[in-house]
Amino acid sequence: MEIQGVDFFLGVAAGAALGVGLALGAAKVRGWLGYSETGRLKAENRHLKRRVAEKDRHIGRMIQETERLAERLGQKSDQGSVIRDQ
């Protein structure tokens, strides 16, 4: 049994159509699973919010440490003035 030219052409065309259809279907499924631009932007937004929260915590710790140091220095300078006054 020989493969006729028309049969070969129909096979190639059917394979190409099936390949394109599967590629488009895979793109749709990826879109549904969150690989779309919207999903990517949501993930980026979550990441940026997490980073801002970490930076806020860091800044809060630094402010607390600065206040603690200022309080210690204030106490030391008060003690020094009390000693000088006596």
C-alpha atoms as a PDB file:
ATOM      1  CA  MET A   1       0.000   0.000   0.000  1.00  0.00           C
ATOM      2  CA  GLU A   2       1.508   3.240  -1.147  1.00  0.00           C
ATOM      3  CA  ILE A   3       0.905   6.614   0.447  1.00  0.00           C
ATOM      4  CA  GLN A   4      -0.657   8.892  -2.108  1.00  0.00           C
ATOM      5  CA  GLY A   5       0.252  12.591  -2.227  1.00  0.00           C
ATOM      6  CA  VAL A   6      -3.253  13.600  -1.188  1.00  0.00           C
ATOM      7  CA  ASP A   7      -3.147  11.287   1.843  1.00  0.00           C
ATOM      8  CA  PHE A   8       0.232  12.710   2.862  1.00  0.00           C
ATOM      9  CA  PHE A   9      -1.043  16.272   2.514  1.00  0.00           C
ATOM     10  CA  LEU A  10      -4.178  15.487   4.530  1.00  0.00           C
ATOM     11  CA  GLY A  11      -2.021  13.911   7.280  1.00  0.00           C
ATOM     12  CA  VAL A  12       0.287  16.915   7.461  1.00  0.00           C
ATOM     13  CA  ALA A  13      -2.646  19.350   7.492  1.00  0.00           C
ATOM     14  CA  ALA A  14      -4.451  17.360  10.192  1.00  0.00           C
ATOM     15  CA  GLY A  15      -1.265  17.185  12.299  1.00  0.00           C
ATOM     16  CA  ALA A  16      -0.689  20.921  11.964  1.00  0.00           C
ATOM     17  CA  ALA A  17      -4.294  21.703  12.883  1.00  0.00           C
ATOM     18  CA  LEU A  18      -4.090  19.374  15.877  1.00  0.00           C
ATOM     19  CA  GLY A  19      -0.806  20.982  16.995  1.00  0.00           C
ATOM     20  CA  VAL A  20      -2.230  24.506  16.747  1.00  0.00           C
ATOM     21  CA  GLY A  21      -5.385  23.436  18.578  1.00  0.00           C
ATOM     22  CA  LEU A  22      -3.402  21.837  21.395  1.00  0.00           C
ATOM     23  CA  ALA A  23      -1.158  24.895  21.683  1.00  0.00           C
ATOM     24  CA  LEU A  24      -4.159  27.208  21.966  1.00  0.00           C
ATOM     25  CA  GLY A  25      -5.795  24.858  24.462  1.00  0.00           C
ATOM     26  CA  ALA A  26      -2.643  24.791  26.581  1.00  0.00           C
ATOM     27  CA  ALA A  27      -2.541  28.598  26.565  1.00  0.00           C
ATOM     28  CA  LYS A  28      -6.153  28.709  27.780  1.00  0.00           C
ATOM     29  CA  VAL A  29      -5.476  26.202  30.546  1.00  0.00           C
ATOM     30  CA  ARG A  30      -2.389  28.142  31.645  1.00  0.00           C
ATOM     31  CA  GLY A  31      -4.541  31.276  31.769  1.00  0.00           C
ATOM     32  CA  TRP A  32      -7.055  29.526  33.996  1.00  0.00           C
ATOM     33  CA  LEU A  33      -4.308  28.258  36.285  1.00  0.00           C
ATOM     34  CA  GLY A  34      -2.957  31.713  37.026  1.00  0.00           C
ATOM     35  CA  TYR A  35      -0.150  32.055  34.507  1.00  0.00           C
ATOM     36  CA  SER A  36      -1.948  34.954  32.886  1.00  0.00           C
ATOM     37  CA  GLU A  37      -0.820  38.545  33.171  1.00  0.00           C
ATOM     38  CA  THR A  38      -3.472  39.176  35.813  1.00  0.00           C
ATOM     39  CA  GLY A  39      -2.188  36.288  37.912  1.00  0.00           C
ATOM     40  CA  ARG A  40       1.387  37.466  37.494  1.00  0.00           C
ATOM     41  CA  LEU A  41       0.475  41.007  38.539  1.00  0.00           C
ATOM     42  CA  LYS A  42      -1.417  39.709  41.588  1.00  0.00           C
ATOM     43  CA  ALA A  43       1.614  37.672  42.628  1.00  0.00           C
ATOM     44  CA  GLU A  44       3.885  40.677  42.142  1.00  0.00           C
ATOM     45  CA  ASN A  45       1.505  42.815  44.208  1.00  0.00           C
ATOM     46  CA  ARG A  46       1.541  40.260  47.052  1.00  0.00           C
ATOM     47  CA  HIS A  47       5.342  40.166  46.930  1.00  0.00           C
ATOM     48  CA  LEU A  48       5.604  43.966  47.053  1.00  0.00           C
ATOM     49  CA  LYS A  49       3.141  44.189  49.956  1.00  0.00           C
ATOM     50  CA  ARG A  50       5.195  41.606  51.852  1.00  0.00           C
ATOM     51  CA  ARG A  51       8.387  43.604  51.227  1.00  0.00           C
ATOM     52  CA  VAL A  52       6.729  46.846  52.391  1.00  0.00           C
ATOM     53  CA  ALA A  53       5.533  45.125  55.561  1.00  0.00           C
ATOM     54  CA  GLU A  54       9.062  43.815  56.236  1.00  0.00           C
ATOM     55  CA  LYS A  55      10.506  47.286  55.726  1.00  0.00           C
ATOM     56  CA  ASP A  56       7.874  48.797  58.033  1.00  0.00           C
ATOM     57  CA  ARG A  57       8.800  46.285  60.740  1.00  0.00           C
ATOM     58  CA  HIS A  58      12.477  47.084  60.263  1.00  0.00           C
ATOM     59  CA  ILE A  59      11.839  50.831  60.486  1.00  0.00           C
ATOM     60  CA  GLY A  60       9.743  50.287  63.625  1.00  0.00           C
ATOM     61  CA  ARG A  61      12.589  48.337  65.246  1.00  0.00           C
ATOM     62  CA  MET A  62      15.076  51.037  64.310  1.00  0.00           C
ATOM     63  CA  ILE A  63      12.828  53.760  65.772  1.00  0.00           C
ATOM     64  CA  GLN A  64      12.431  51.778  69.010  1.00  0.00           C
ATOM     65  CA  GLU A  65      16.188  51.308  69.269  1.00  0.00           C
ATOM     66  CA  THR A  66      16.779  55.017  68.628  1.00  0.00           C
ATOM     67  CA  GLU A  67      14.233  55.969  71.300  1.00  0.00           C
ATOM     68  CA  ARG A  68      15.856  53.544  73.740  1.00  0.00           C
ATOM     69  CA  LEU A  69      19.295  54.997  73.048  1.00  0.00           C
ATOM     70  CA  ALA A  70      17.987  58.567  73.397  1.00  0.00           C
ATOM     71  CA  GLU A  71      16.372  57.633  76.707  1.00  0.00           C
ATOM     72  CA  ARG A  72      19.626  56.107  77.992  1.00  0.00           C
ATOM     73  CA  LEU A  73      21.610  59.143  76.900  1.00  0.00           C
ATOM     74  CA  GLY A  74      19.029  61.399  78.555  1.00  0.00           C
ATOM     75  CA  GLN A  75      19.326  59.450  81.802  1.00  0.00           C
ATOM     76  CA  LYS A  76      23.120  59.597  81.669  1.00  0.00           C
ATOM     77  CA  SER A  77      23.110  63.360  81.062  1.00  0.00           C
ATOM     78  CA  ASP A  78      20.588  63.854  83.916  1.00  0.00           C
ATOM     79  CA  GLN A  79      22.825  61.868  86.254  1.00  0.00           C
ATOM     80  CA  GLY A  80      25.821  63.948  85.184  1.00  0.00           C
ATOM     81  CA  SER A  81      24.008  67.217  85.873  1.00  0.00           C
ATOM     82  CA  VAL A  82      22.889  65.939  89.295  1.00  0.00           C
ATOM     83  CA  ILE A  83      26.485  65.056  90.174  1.00  0.00           C
ATOM     84  CA  ARG A  84      27.720  68.475  88.982  1.00  0.00           C
ATOM     85  CA  ASP A  85      24.999  70.266  90.983  1.00  0.00           C
ATOM     86  CA  GLN A  86      26.096  68.635  94.263  1.00  0.00           C
END
